[in-house]
Each structure stands twice: as C-alpha cells, then as structure tokens.
C-alpha cells in the first residue's frame, strides 16, 4: 500500500473519531479540518470535503448540509463502529488497541 493511501486511511479514521467526540455527533468540514491539523495531519479543505463524501459513500456519515463553503455531517452507526474498532471498513485504518 502506498504512503498516500495510508495517510488517507488515517485521515478517515481521525475524521470519524473527531465526529464521535462532538456533541450530537455532528460537525462541519471547517471544524474537522482544524481537528486534523491539531493531530498533525495536514490536508487541504478540499481534500477533507472529498474524504467526507467518500465516508458518506461507505455509509459511515450522513451529509446534512452542503454549501460552497462548508459541509455539515453527522456520524452514522457504521462510522461509530469503525471509529471504535467494532467493525472493519476497507479504506479506513483500524484503531490501535
């Protein structure tokens, strides 16, 4: 697996973990972008939005609002299960024990 793919899998896991910690399991692309930066994962806002839509396609999140500036998402049960290591979703890194 390429290093780029490993980073994407890590980013997807961190996005799910961030949503799992937010009130009502909801967040927006701007807040999530800042959260990734806090954990040392530097991606553009556009990359974050792209990965949020990838997570939506996998059934891990729901998109509640999509504007040119921000995307608002909510964690789905499958995403919470992946974030907490109860299920394996191909393309998302498994959390460490």
PDB file of N, CA and C in Angstrom:
ATOM      1  N   UNK A   1       0.846  -1.178   0.000  1.00  0.00           N
ATOM      2  CA  UNK A   1       0.000   0.000   0.000  1.00  0.00           C
ATOM      3  C   UNK A   1       0.890   1.239   0.000  1.00  0.00           C
ATOM      4  N   UNK A   2       0.509   2.220  -0.802  1.00  0.00           N
ATOM      5  CA  UNK A   2       1.306   3.443  -0.893  1.00  0.00           C
ATOM      6  C   UNK A   2       1.173   4.281   0.379  1.00  0.00           C
ATOM      7  N   UNK A   3       2.150   5.121   0.604  1.00  0.00           N
ATOM      8  CA  UNK A   3       2.118   6.017   1.761  1.00  0.00           C
ATOM      9  C   UNK A   3       0.910   6.951   1.675  1.00  0.00           C
ATOM     10  N   UNK A   4       0.584   7.401   0.467  1.00  0.00           N
ATOM     11  CA  UNK A   4      -0.577   8.284   0.275  1.00  0.00           C
ATOM     12  C   UNK A   4      -1.860   7.589   0.727  1.00  0.00           C
ATOM     13  N   UNK A   5      -2.022   6.330   0.383  1.00  0.00           N
ATOM     14  CA  UNK A   5      -3.215   5.599   0.803  1.00  0.00           C
ATOM     15  C   UNK A   5      -3.239   5.382   2.312  1.00  0.00           C
ATOM     16  N   UNK A   6      -2.078   5.151   2.909  1.00  0.00           N
ATOM     17  CA  UNK A   6      -2.015   5.010   4.362  1.00  0.00           C
ATOM     18  C   UNK A   6      -2.447   6.298   5.052  1.00  0.00           C
ATOM     19  N   UNK A   7      -2.017   7.442   4.508  1.00  0.00           N
ATOM     20  CA  UNK A   7      -2.421   8.731   5.083  1.00  0.00           C
ATOM     21  C   UNK A   7      -3.920   8.944   4.961  1.00  0.00           C
ATOM     22  N   UNK A   8      -4.495   8.564   3.821  1.00  0.00           N
ATOM     23  CA  UNK A   8      -5.944   8.717   3.636  1.00  0.00           C
ATOM     24  C   UNK A   8      -6.699   7.844   4.637  1.00  0.00           C
ATOM     25  N   UNK A   9      -6.247   6.621   4.830  1.00  0.00           N
ATOM     26  CA  UNK A   9      -6.913   5.741   5.791  1.00  0.00           C
ATOM     27  C   UNK A   9      -6.830   6.319   7.200  1.00  0.00           C
ATOM     28  N   UNK A  10      -5.686   6.885   7.540  1.00  0.00           N
ATOM     29  CA  UNK A  10      -5.505   7.533   8.851  1.00  0.00           C
ATOM     30  C   UNK A  10      -6.436   8.735   8.984  1.00  0.00           C
ATOM     31  N   UNK A  11      -6.504   9.568   7.933  1.00  0.00           N
ATOM     32  CA  UNK A  11      -7.365  10.747   7.971  1.00  0.00           C
ATOM     33  C   UNK A  11      -8.819  10.348   8.169  1.00  0.00           C
ATOM     34  N   UNK A  12      -9.259   9.318   7.479  1.00  0.00           N
ATOM     35  CA  UNK A  12     -10.652   8.880   7.587  1.00  0.00           C
ATOM     36  C   UNK A  12     -10.963   8.419   9.009  1.00  0.00           C
ATOM     37  N   UNK A  13     -10.040   7.672   9.613  1.00  0.00           N
ATOM     38  CA  UNK A  13     -10.240   7.238  10.996  1.00  0.00           C
ATOM     39  C   UNK A  13     -10.311   8.443  11.932  1.00  0.00           C
ATOM     40  N   UNK A  14      -9.408   9.395  11.766  1.00  0.00           N
ATOM     41  CA  UNK A  14      -9.403  10.573  12.641  1.00  0.00           C
ATOM     42  C   UNK A  14     -10.681  11.392  12.449  1.00  0.00           C
ATOM     43  N   UNK A  15     -11.151  11.534  11.216  1.00  0.00           N
ATOM     44  CA  UNK A  15     -12.412  12.252  10.988  1.00  0.00           C
ATOM     45  C   UNK A  15     -13.556  11.587  11.748  1.00  0.00           C
ATOM     46  N   UNK A  16     -13.624  10.267  11.693  1.00  0.00           N
ATOM     47  CA  UNK A  16     -14.682   9.550  12.419  1.00  0.00           C
ATOM     48  C   UNK A  16     -14.524   9.702  13.923  1.00  0.00           C
ATOM     49  N   UNK A  17     -13.303   9.649  14.403  1.00  0.00           N
ATOM     50  CA  UNK A  17     -13.065   9.813  15.843  1.00  0.00           C
ATOM     51  C   UNK A  17     -13.425  11.219  16.311  1.00  0.00           C
ATOM     52  N   UNK A  18     -13.099  12.215  15.501  1.00  0.00           N
ATOM     53  CA  UNK A  18     -13.469  13.589  15.853  1.00  0.00           C
ATOM     54  C   UNK A  18     -14.988  13.726  15.939  1.00  0.00           C
ATOM     55  N   UNK A  19     -15.697  13.188  14.944  1.00  0.00           N
ATOM     56  CA  UNK A  19     -17.159  13.250  14.974  1.00  0.00           C
ATOM     57  C   UNK A  19     -17.718  12.504  16.182  1.00  0.00           C
ATOM     58  N   UNK A  20     -17.082  11.421  16.561  1.00  0.00           N
ATOM     59  CA  UNK A  20     -17.531  10.629  17.699  1.00  0.00           C
ATOM     60  C   UNK A  20     -17.419  11.407  19.005  1.00  0.00           C
ATOM     61  N   UNK A  21     -16.553  12.407  19.039  1.00  0.00           N
ATOM     62  CA  UNK A  21     -16.355  13.213  20.252  1.00  0.00           C
ATOM     63  C   UNK A  21     -17.197  14.484  20.274  1.00  0.00           C
ATOM     64  N   UNK A  22     -17.763  14.869  19.140  1.00  0.00           N
ATOM     65  CA  UNK A  22     -18.516  16.115  19.067  1.00  0.00           C
ATOM     66  C   UNK A  22     -19.948  15.945  19.583  1.00  0.00           C
ATOM     67  N   UNK A  23     -20.509  17.005  20.160  1.00  0.00           N
ATOM     68  CA  UNK A  23     -21.905  16.935  20.609  1.00  0.00           C
ATOM     69  C   UNK A  23     -22.823  16.566  19.446  1.00  0.00           C
ATOM     70  N   UNK A  24     -23.745  15.686  19.706  1.00  0.00           N
ATOM     71  CA  UNK A  24     -24.713  15.208  18.712  1.00  0.00           C
ATOM     72  C   UNK A  24     -24.042  14.511  17.539  1.00  0.00           C
ATOM     73  N   UNK A  25     -22.763  14.202  17.670  1.00  0.00           N
ATOM     74  CA  UNK A  25     -22.016  13.507  16.612  1.00  0.00           C
ATOM     75  C   UNK A  25     -22.069  14.258  15.286  1.00  0.00           C
ATOM     76  N   UNK A  26     -22.144  15.580  15.352  1.00  0.00           N
ATOM     77  CA  UNK A  26     -22.228  16.425  14.170  1.00  0.00           C
ATOM     78  C   UNK A  26     -21.047  17.377  14.132  1.00  0.00           C
ATOM     79  N   UNK A  27     -20.620  17.681  12.901  1.00  0.00           N
ATOM     80  CA  UNK A  27     -19.545  18.644  12.744  1.00  0.00           C
ATOM     81  C   UNK A  27     -19.549  19.190  11.332  1.00  0.00           C
ATOM     82  N   UNK A  28     -18.723  20.194  11.115  1.00  0.00           N
ATOM     83  CA  UNK A  28     -18.624  20.739   9.767  1.00  0.00           C
ATOM     84  C   UNK A  28     -17.195  20.591   9.260  1.00  0.00           C
ATOM     85  N   UNK A  29     -17.062  20.713   7.952  1.00  0.00           N
ATOM     86  CA  UNK A  29     -15.767  20.465   7.321  1.00  0.00           C
ATOM     87  C   UNK A  29     -14.678  21.401   7.845  1.00  0.00           C
ATOM     88  N   UNK A  30     -15.031  22.608   8.219  1.00  0.00           N
ATOM     89  CA  UNK A  30     -14.039  23.554   8.735  1.00  0.00           C
ATOM     90  C   UNK A  30     -13.516  23.109  10.101  1.00  0.00           C
ATOM     91  N   UNK A  31     -14.409  22.734  10.990  1.00  0.00           N
ATOM     92  CA  UNK A  31     -14.015  22.266  12.315  1.00  0.00           C
ATOM     93  C   UNK A  31     -13.200  20.981  12.216  1.00  0.00           C
ATOM     94  N   UNK A  32     -13.630  20.076  11.341  1.00  0.00           N
ATOM     95  CA  UNK A  32     -12.917  18.813  11.169  1.00  0.00           C
ATOM     96  C   UNK A  32     -11.531  19.050  10.571  1.00  0.00           C
ATOM     97  N   UNK A  33     -11.423  20.002   9.644  1.00  0.00           N
ATOM     98  CA  UNK A  33     -10.124  20.362   9.074  1.00  0.00           C
ATOM     99  C   UNK A  33      -9.172  20.828  10.177  1.00  0.00           C
ATOM    100  N   UNK A  34      -9.674  21.679  11.060  1.00  0.00           N
ATOM    101  CA  UNK A  34      -8.856  22.160  12.180  1.00  0.00           C
ATOM    102  C   UNK A  34      -8.469  21.010  13.112  1.00  0.00           C
ATOM    103  N   UNK A  35      -9.384  20.076  13.333  1.00  0.00           N
ATOM    104  CA  UNK A  35      -9.095  18.926  14.177  1.00  0.00           C
ATOM    105  C   UNK A  35      -7.988  18.049  13.589  1.00  0.00           C
ATOM    106  N   UNK A  36      -8.018  17.857  12.276  1.00  0.00           N
ATOM    107  CA  UNK A  36      -6.958  17.091  11.619  1.00  0.00           C
ATOM    108  C   UNK A  36      -5.607  17.777  11.797  1.00  0.00           C
ATOM    109  N   UNK A  37      -5.587  19.102  11.611  1.00  0.00           N
ATOM    110  CA  UNK A  37      -4.341  19.853  11.798  1.00  0.00           C
ATOM    111  C   UNK A  37      -3.819  19.702  13.225  1.00  0.00           C
ATOM    112  N   UNK A  38      -4.723  19.703  14.189  1.00  0.00           N
ATOM    113  CA  UNK A  38      -4.338  19.538  15.594  1.00  0.00           C
ATOM    114  C   UNK A  38      -3.609  18.216  15.809  1.00  0.00           C
ATOM    115  N   UNK A  39      -4.014  17.169  15.084  1.00  0.00           N
ATOM    116  CA  UNK A  39      -3.407  15.852  15.216  1.00  0.00           C
ATOM    117  C   UNK A  39      -2.276  15.632  14.232  1.00  0.00           C
ATOM    118  N   UNK A  40      -1.791  16.711  13.603  1.00  0.00           N
ATOM    119  CA  UNK A  40      -0.616  16.625  12.744  1.00  0.00           C
ATOM    120  C   UNK A  40      -0.885  16.095  11.349  1.00  0.00           C
ATOM    121  N   UNK A  41      -2.141  16.106  10.928  1.00  0.00           N
ATOM    122  CA  UNK A  41      -2.494  15.660   9.581  1.00  0.00           C
ATOM    123  C   UNK A  41      -2.856  16.884   8.750  1.00  0.00           C
ATOM    124  N   UNK A  42      -1.965  17.272   7.883  1.00  0.00           N
ATOM    125  CA  UNK A  42      -2.160  18.489   7.083  1.00  0.00           C
ATOM    126  C   UNK A  42      -2.743  18.143   5.724  1.00  0.00           C
ATOM    127  N   UNK A  43      -4.005  18.439   5.578  1.00  0.00           N
ATOM    128  CA  UNK A  43      -4.715  18.253   4.317  1.00  0.00           C
ATOM    129  C   UNK A  43      -5.441  19.541   3.992  1.00  0.00           C
ATOM    130  N   UNK A  44      -5.711  19.765   2.714  1.00  0.00           N
ATOM    131  CA  UNK A  44      -6.458  20.962   2.319  1.00  0.00           C
ATOM    132  C   UNK A  44      -7.931  20.791   2.685  1.00  0.00           C
ATOM    133  N   UNK A  45      -8.640  21.897   2.728  1.00  0.00           N
ATOM    134  CA  UNK A  45     -10.083  21.841   2.991  1.00  0.00           C
ATOM    135  C   UNK A  45     -10.791  21.038   1.903  1.00  0.00           C
ATOM    136  N   UNK A  46     -10.322  21.169   0.672  1.00  0.00           N
ATOM    137  CA  UNK A  46     -10.916  20.416  -0.431  1.00  0.00           C
ATOM    138  C   UNK A  46     -10.712  18.914  -0.228  1.00  0.00           C
ATOM    139  N   UNK A  47      -9.534  18.513   0.231  1.00  0.00           N
ATOM    140  CA  UNK A  47      -9.274  17.094   0.496  1.00  0.00           C
ATOM    141  C   UNK A  47     -10.183  16.572   1.602  1.00  0.00           C
ATOM    142  N   UNK A  48     -10.411  17.401   2.625  1.00  0.00           N
ATOM    143  CA  UNK A  48     -11.295  16.996   3.720  1.00  0.00           C
ATOM    144  C   UNK A  48     -12.708  16.766   3.181  1.00  0.00           C
ATOM    145  N   UNK A  49     -13.205  17.692   2.369  1.00  0.00           N
ATOM    146  CA  UNK A  49     -14.542  17.524   1.795  1.00  0.00           C
ATOM    147  C   UNK A  49     -14.621  16.270   0.928  1.00  0.00           C
ATOM    148  N   UNK A  50     -13.594  16.017   0.143  1.00  0.00           N
ATOM    149  CA  UNK A  50     -13.568  14.821  -0.698  1.00  0.00           C
ATOM    150  C   UNK A  50     -13.665  13.565   0.156  1.00  0.00           C
ATOM    151  N   UNK A  51     -12.908  13.519   1.248  1.00  0.00           N
ATOM    152  CA  UNK A  51     -12.926  12.343   2.121  1.00  0.00           C
ATOM    153  C   UNK A  51     -14.238  12.219   2.880  1.00  0.00           C
ATOM    154  N   UNK A  52     -14.872  13.340   3.201  1.00  0.00           N
ATOM    155  CA  UNK A  52     -16.187  13.269   3.839  1.00  0.00           C
ATOM    156  C   UNK A  52     -17.195  12.616   2.899  1.00  0.00           C
ATOM    157  N   UNK A  53     -17.129  12.961   1.625  1.00  0.00           N
ATOM    158  CA  UNK A  53     -18.041  12.325   0.668  1.00  0.00           C
ATOM    159  C   UNK A  53     -17.687  10.861   0.455  1.00  0.00           C
ATOM    160  N   UNK A  54     -16.427  10.511   0.557  1.00  0.00           N
ATOM    161  CA  UNK A  54     -16.044   9.107   0.489  1.00  0.00           C
ATOM    162  C   UNK A  54     -16.642   8.349   1.678  1.00  0.00           C
ATOM    163  N   UNK A  55     -16.541   8.935   2.874  1.00  0.00           N
ATOM    164  CA  UNK A  55     -17.116   8.314   4.067  1.00  0.00           C
ATOM    165  C   UNK A  55     -18.634   8.192   3.949  1.00  0.00           C
ATOM    166  N   UNK A  56     -19.271   9.169   3.323  1.00  0.00           N
ATOM    167  CA  UNK A  56     -20.718   9.088   3.084  1.00  0.00           C
ATOM    168  C   UNK A  56     -21.025   7.900   2.185  1.00  0.00           C
ATOM    169  N   UNK A  57     -20.252   7.741   1.125  1.00  0.00           N
ATOM    170  CA  UNK A  57     -20.474   6.631   0.191  1.00  0.00           C
ATOM    171  C   UNK A  57     -20.298   5.272   0.867  1.00  0.00           C
ATOM    172  N   UNK A  58     -19.507   5.214   1.928  1.00  0.00           N
ATOM    173  CA  UNK A  58     -19.287   3.963   2.663  1.00  0.00           C
ATOM    174  C   UNK A  58     -20.337   3.748   3.757  1.00  0.00           C
ATOM    175  N   UNK A  59     -21.251   4.710   3.921  1.00  0.00           N
ATOM    176  CA  UNK A  59     -22.290   4.587   4.940  1.00  0.00           C
ATOM    177  C   UNK A  59     -21.827   4.935   6.340  1.00  0.00           C
ATOM    178  N   UNK A  60     -20.699   5.655   6.442  1.00  0.00           N
ATOM    179  CA  UNK A  60     -20.141   5.991   7.753  1.00  0.00           C
ATOM    180  C   UNK A  60     -20.625   7.332   8.293  1.00  0.00           C
ATOM    181  N   UNK A  61     -21.037   8.218   7.422  1.00  0.00           N
ATOM    182  CA  UNK A  61     -21.565   9.522   7.832  1.00  0.00           C
ATOM    183  C   UNK A  61     -22.748   9.880   6.934  1.00  0.00           C
ATOM    184  N   UNK A  62     -23.514  10.858   7.379  1.00  0.00           N
ATOM    185  CA  UNK A  62     -24.601  11.434   6.593  1.00  0.00           C
ATOM    186  C   UNK A  62     -24.266  12.900   6.346  1.00  0.00           C
ATOM    187  N   UNK A  63     -24.495  13.377   5.141  1.00  0.00           N
ATOM    188  CA  UNK A  63     -24.310  14.800   4.833  1.00  0.00           C
ATOM    189  C   UNK A  63     -25.632  15.498   5.091  1.00  0.00           C
ATOM    190  N   UNK A  64     -25.617  16.468   6.010  1.00  0.00           N
ATOM    191  CA  UNK A  64     -26.838  17.183   6.370  1.00  0.00           C
ATOM    192  C   UNK A  64     -26.974  18.510   5.636  1.00  0.00           C
ATOM    193  N   UNK A  65     -25.844  19.109   5.271  1.00  0.00           N
ATOM    194  CA  UNK A  65     -25.864  20.403   4.591  1.00  0.00           C
ATOM    195  C   UNK A  65     -24.615  20.500   3.732  1.00  0.00           C
ATOM    196  N   UNK A  66     -24.787  20.965   2.513  1.00  0.00           N
ATOM    197  CA  UNK A  66     -23.653  21.127   1.611  1.00  0.00           C
ATOM    198  C   UNK A  66     -23.770  22.487   0.948  1.00  0.00           C
ATOM    199  N   UNK A  67     -22.851  23.384   1.281  1.00  0.00           N
ATOM    200  CA  UNK A  67     -22.786  24.703   0.659  1.00  0.00           C
ATOM    201  C   UNK A  67     -21.413  24.830   0.010  1.00  0.00           C
ATOM    202  N   UNK A  68     -21.206  25.854  -0.801  1.00  0.00           N
ATOM    203  CA  UNK A  68     -19.866  26.019  -1.388  1.00  0.00           C
ATOM    204  C   UNK A  68     -18.756  26.181  -0.346  1.00  0.00           C
ATOM    205  N   UNK A  69     -19.095  26.672   0.828  1.00  0.00           N
ATOM    206  CA  UNK A  69     -18.076  26.949   1.843  1.00  0.00           C
ATOM    207  C   UNK A  69     -17.898  25.852   2.881  1.00  0.00           C
ATOM    208  N   UNK A  70     -18.965  25.138   3.199  1.00  0.00           N
ATOM    209  CA  UNK A  70     -18.889  24.183   4.306  1.00  0.00           C
ATOM    210  C   UNK A  70     -19.841  23.014   4.075  1.00  0.00           C
ATOM    211  N   UNK A  71     -19.429  21.858   4.588  1.00  0.00           N
ATOM    212  CA  UNK A  71     -20.266  20.662   4.570  1.00  0.00           C
ATOM    213  C   UNK A  71     -20.524  20.283   6.030  1.00  0.00           C
ATOM    214  N   UNK A  72     -21.784  20.058   6.381  1.00  0.00           N
ATOM    215  CA  UNK A  72     -22.142  19.629   7.730  1.00  0.00           C
ATOM    216  C   UNK A  72     -22.495  18.148   7.665  1.00  0.00           C
ATOM    217  N   UNK A  73     -21.878  17.368   8.549  1.00  0.00           N
ATOM    218  CA  UNK A  73     -22.069  15.916   8.531  1.00  0.00           C
ATOM    219  C   UNK A  73     -22.425  15.393   9.914  1.00  0.00           C
ATOM    220  N   UNK A  74     -23.016  14.199   9.912  1.00  0.00           N
ATOM    221  CA  UNK A  74     -23.363  13.510  11.161  1.00  0.00           C
ATOM    222  C   UNK A  74     -22.825  12.088  11.077  1.00  0.00           C
ATOM    223  N   UNK A  75     -22.270  11.621  12.160  1.00  0.00           N
ATOM    224  CA  UNK A  75     -21.727  10.275  12.251  1.00  0.00           C
ATOM    225  C   UNK A  75     -22.859   9.256  12.202  1.00  0.00           C
ATOM    226  N   UNK A  76     -22.728   8.254  11.348  1.00  0.00           N
ATOM    227  CA  UNK A  76     -23.683   7.156  11.272  1.00  0.00           C
ATOM    228  C   UNK A  76     -23.199   6.009  12.158  1.00  0.00           C
ATOM    229  N   UNK A  77     -24.071   5.070  12.434  1.00  0.00           N
ATOM    230  CA  UNK A  77     -23.721   3.946  13.298  1.00  0.00           C
ATOM    231  C   UNK A  77     -22.511   3.187  12.764  1.00  0.00           C
ATOM    232  N   UNK A  78     -22.469   2.960  11.456  1.00  0.00           N
ATOM    233  CA  UNK A  78     -21.327   2.236  10.879  1.00  0.00           C
ATOM    234  C   UNK A  78     -20.021   2.996  11.113  1.00  0.00           C
ATOM    235  N   UNK A  79     -20.064   4.322  11.004  1.00  0.00           N
ATOM    236  CA  UNK A  79     -18.881   5.136  11.244  1.00  0.00           C
ATOM    237  C   UNK A  79     -18.441   5.080  12.695  1.00  0.00           C
ATOM    238  N   UNK A  80     -19.398   5.085  13.606  1.00  0.00           N
ATOM    239  CA  UNK A  80     -19.059   4.985  15.022  1.00  0.00           C
ATOM    240  C   UNK A  80     -18.440   3.619  15.320  1.00  0.00           C
ATOM    241  N   UNK A  81     -19.007   2.589  14.719  1.00  0.00           N
ATOM    242  CA  UNK A  81     -18.446   1.252  14.908  1.00  0.00           C
ATOM    243  C   UNK A  81     -17.013   1.173  14.374  1.00  0.00           C
ATOM    244  N   UNK A  82     -16.748   1.800  13.237  1.00  0.00           N
ATOM    245  CA  UNK A  82     -15.390   1.807  12.672  1.00  0.00           C
ATOM    246  C   UNK A  82     -14.444   2.609  13.557  1.00  0.00           C
ATOM    247  N   UNK A  83     -14.904   3.749  14.057  1.00  0.00           N
ATOM    248  CA  UNK A  83     -14.067   4.599  14.912  1.00  0.00           C
ATOM    249  C   UNK A  83     -13.689   3.898  16.207  1.00  0.00           C
ATOM    250  N   UNK A  84     -14.593   3.050  16.697  1.00  0.00           N
ATOM    251  CA  UNK A  84     -14.352   2.376  17.966  1.00  0.00           C
ATOM    252  C   UNK A  84     -13.813   0.957  17.790  1.00  0.00           C
ATOM    253  N   UNK A  85     -13.540   0.574  16.538  1.00  0.00           N
ATOM    254  CA  UNK A  85     -12.907  -0.713  16.272  1.00  0.00           C
ATOM    255  C   UNK A  85     -13.832  -1.913  16.322  1.00  0.00           C
ATOM    256  N   UNK A  86     -15.145  -1.695  16.275  1.00  0.00           N
ATOM    257  CA  UNK A  86     -16.089  -2.811  16.314  1.00  0.00           C
ATOM    258  C   UNK A  86     -16.345  -3.412  14.942  1.00  0.00           C
ATOM    259  N   UNK A  87     -15.989  -2.679  13.887  1.00  0.00           N
ATOM    260  CA  UNK A  87     -16.143  -3.190  12.533  1.00  0.00           C
ATOM    261  C   UNK A  87     -14.984  -2.706  11.688  1.00  0.00           C
ATOM    262  N   UNK A  88     -14.669  -3.461  10.650  1.00  0.00           N
ATOM    263  CA  UNK A  88     -13.602  -3.084   9.716  1.00  0.00           C
ATOM    264  C   UNK A  88     -14.250  -2.598   8.432  1.00  0.00           C
ATOM    265  N   UNK A  89     -13.898  -1.378   8.047  1.00  0.00           N
ATOM    266  CA  UNK A  89     -14.353  -0.820   6.782  1.00  0.00           C
ATOM    267  C   UNK A  89     -13.120  -0.666   5.885  1.00  0.00           C
ATOM    268  N   UNK A  90     -13.074  -1.375   4.769  1.00  0.00           N
ATOM    269  CA  UNK A  90     -11.918  -1.224   3.864  1.00  0.00           C
ATOM    270  C   UNK A  90     -11.709   0.238   3.484  1.00  0.00           C
ATOM    271  N   UNK A  91     -10.469   0.714   3.625  1.00  0.00           N
ATOM    272  CA  UNK A  91     -10.143   2.098   3.309  1.00  0.00           C
ATOM    273  C   UNK A  91     -10.078   2.997   4.525  1.00  0.00           C
ATOM    274  N   UNK A  92     -10.427   2.446   5.704  1.00  0.00           N
ATOM    275  CA  UNK A  92     -10.338   3.189   6.959  1.00  0.00           C
ATOM    276  C   UNK A  92      -9.405   2.409   7.881  1.00  0.00           C
ATOM    277  N   UNK A  93      -8.423   3.105   8.416  1.00  0.00           N
ATOM    278  CA  UNK A  93      -7.471   2.452   9.318  1.00  0.00           C
ATOM    279  C   UNK A  93      -8.198   1.948  10.552  1.00  0.00           C
ATOM    280  N   UNK A  94      -7.801   0.782  11.008  1.00  0.00           N
ATOM    281  CA  UNK A  94      -8.359   0.263  12.258  1.00  0.00           C
ATOM    282  C   UNK A  94      -7.690   0.966  13.425  1.00  0.00           C
ATOM    283  N   UNK A  95      -8.470   1.312  14.445  1.00  0.00           N
ATOM    284  CA  UNK A  95      -7.864   1.950  15.616  1.00  0.00           C
ATOM    285  C   UNK A  95      -6.911   1.000  16.333  1.00  0.00           C
ATOM    286  N   UNK A  96      -5.907   1.581  16.966  1.00  0.00           N
ATOM    287  CA  UNK A  96      -4.961   0.786  17.761  1.00  0.00           C
ATOM    288  C   UNK A  96      -5.660   0.288  19.021  1.00  0.00           C
ATOM    289  N   UNK A  97      -5.161  -0.797  19.536  1.00  0.00           N
ATOM    290  CA  UNK A  97      -5.762  -1.381  20.759  1.00  0.00           C
ATOM    291  C   UNK A  97      -5.524  -0.516  21.968  1.00  0.00           C
TER     292      UNK A  97
END
